[in-house]
Protein backbone atom coordinates (compact mmCIF):
# COMPACT_ATOMS: atom_id res chain seq x y z
CA SER A 1 19.82 -105.96 211.48
CA ILE A 2 22.60 -107.96 209.77
CA ILE A 3 25.76 -106.10 208.02
CA VAL A 4 26.42 -107.97 205.18
CA GLY A 5 29.46 -108.53 202.34
CA ASP A 6 31.65 -110.30 203.86
CA LYS A 7 34.86 -110.47 201.00
CA GLN A 8 32.58 -108.30 199.26
CA LYS A 9 34.00 -104.45 197.55
CA PHE A 10 31.35 -102.65 199.87
CA ALA A 11 29.34 -103.23 203.16
CA SER A 12 25.49 -103.36 203.29
CA ALA A 13 22.89 -104.70 205.40
CA ILE A 14 19.55 -106.12 206.07
CA ILE A 15 17.78 -103.57 207.50
CA CYS A 16 14.41 -104.34 209.69
CA LEU A 17 11.71 -102.13 209.64
CA ASN A 18 8.94 -101.46 212.11
CA TYR A 19 6.20 -101.53 209.78
CA GLY A 20 3.80 -99.44 212.60
CA GLN A 21 5.86 -96.93 213.16
CA LEU A 22 6.44 -96.21 209.73
CA ASP A 23 3.11 -96.33 208.40
CA ARG A 24 2.37 -93.87 211.55
CA TRP A 25 4.80 -91.41 209.98
CA ALA A 26 3.73 -91.47 207.10
CA GLN A 27 0.03 -91.04 208.26
CA GLU A 28 1.49 -87.76 209.88
CA GLN A 29 3.15 -86.97 206.81
CA GLY A 30 -0.69 -87.22 204.81
CA LEU A 31 1.03 -89.98 203.09
CA GLY A 32 -2.16 -91.76 204.06
CA ARG A 33 -2.17 -95.50 204.96
CA LEU A 34 0.13 -97.48 203.05
CA SER A 35 0.75 -101.14 202.11
CA LYS A 36 4.24 -102.06 202.86
CA GLU A 37 5.26 -102.24 199.51
CA ASP A 38 3.92 -98.73 198.74
CA LEU A 39 6.03 -97.13 202.07
CA LEU A 40 9.07 -98.51 200.69
CA ASP A 41 8.39 -97.46 197.46
CA CYS A 42 7.17 -93.59 198.52
CA PRO A 43 9.65 -90.70 198.06
CA GLY A 44 8.98 -89.61 201.21
CA VAL A 45 9.89 -92.90 203.05
CA GLN A 46 12.60 -92.96 201.18
CA LYS A 47 14.17 -90.00 201.97
CA LEU A 48 13.46 -90.29 205.31
CA LEU A 49 15.17 -93.99 205.60
CA SER A 50 18.17 -92.14 203.51
CA ARG A 51 18.36 -89.29 205.82
CA GLU A 52 18.55 -92.42 208.63
CA LEU A 53 21.66 -94.38 207.46
CA GLN A 54 23.35 -90.84 206.68
CA ALA A 55 23.08 -90.03 209.45
CA VAL A 56 24.83 -93.68 210.94
CA ASN A 57 27.09 -93.94 207.99
CA ALA A 58 28.70 -90.61 209.09
CA THR A 59 29.65 -92.06 212.28
CA LEU A 60 31.78 -95.02 210.28
CA ALA A 61 34.66 -94.99 208.88
CA ASP A 62 34.78 -94.80 204.71
CA TYR A 63 35.04 -98.72 204.41
CA GLU A 64 32.12 -99.05 206.72
CA ALA A 65 29.40 -97.85 205.47
CA ILE A 66 26.98 -98.91 204.75
CA LYS A 67 25.78 -98.95 201.01
CA ARG A 68 22.67 -100.47 198.87
CA PRO A 69 20.95 -101.80 201.73
CA VAL A 70 17.77 -104.30 201.82
CA TYR A 71 14.49 -102.91 203.50
CA VAL A 72 12.46 -105.35 205.24
CA PHE A 73 9.37 -105.46 207.35
CA ASP A 74 10.58 -108.71 208.98
CA GLU A 75 9.69 -110.09 212.63
CA TRP A 76 13.58 -111.64 213.63
CA THR A 77 12.25 -113.83 216.87
CA THR A 78 13.27 -117.33 218.16
CA ALA A 79 9.98 -118.61 216.55
CA ASN A 80 11.15 -118.14 213.12
CA GLY A 81 14.90 -119.15 213.51
CA MET A 82 16.48 -115.97 213.30
CA LEU A 83 17.21 -115.27 216.61
CA SER A 84 18.83 -118.68 218.81
CA GLN A 85 17.29 -118.75 222.44
CA THR A 86 19.51 -116.18 224.29
CA LEU A 87 18.50 -113.92 221.50
CA LYS A 88 21.14 -113.55 219.72
CA LEU A 89 21.31 -113.58 215.55
CA ARG A 90 21.34 -116.10 213.98
CA ARG A 91 23.38 -115.34 211.12
CA ALA A 92 23.68 -118.27 209.06
CA VAL A 93 19.79 -118.47 208.94
CA ILE A 94 19.51 -114.85 208.55
CA LEU A 95 22.21 -114.99 204.91
CA ARG A 96 19.91 -118.36 203.59
CA HIS A 97 16.31 -116.48 204.05
CA TYR A 98 17.88 -113.35 202.11
CA ALA A 99 20.81 -115.06 200.00
CA GLU A 100 18.15 -113.64 197.28
CA GLN A 101 18.35 -110.28 198.10
CA ILE A 102 21.89 -110.00 199.14
CA GLU A 103 23.18 -111.57 196.09
CA SER A 104 20.69 -108.81 194.18
CA ILE A 105 23.36 -106.21 196.29
CA TYR A 106 26.59 -107.07 195.04
CA VAL A 107 25.24 -108.11 191.54
CA LYS A 108 24.46 -104.48 190.62
CA ASP A 109 28.23 -103.48 191.49
């Protein structure tokens, strides 16, 4: 996951979700097996993600709080260029890759 929002009114984030874990959770909740898109649209999953985000935001100052996150199931690896050989985030590459999603966060404001 990566925090975005430099020179914006609030911070946001691109948050990578683990499909396998979220799928197992959904099945345990009786939601059945859902596609990635359906998982993100599911009210139960949205509630879970909201609770998790609230827990993180509770540890942050108000100006640091993450608002309007973008959830993705992408895997960031060295092979796809999102991570360096030393496994550090390649911020410029990630920001370019998600430019449309990041822009959509801030045009709503």
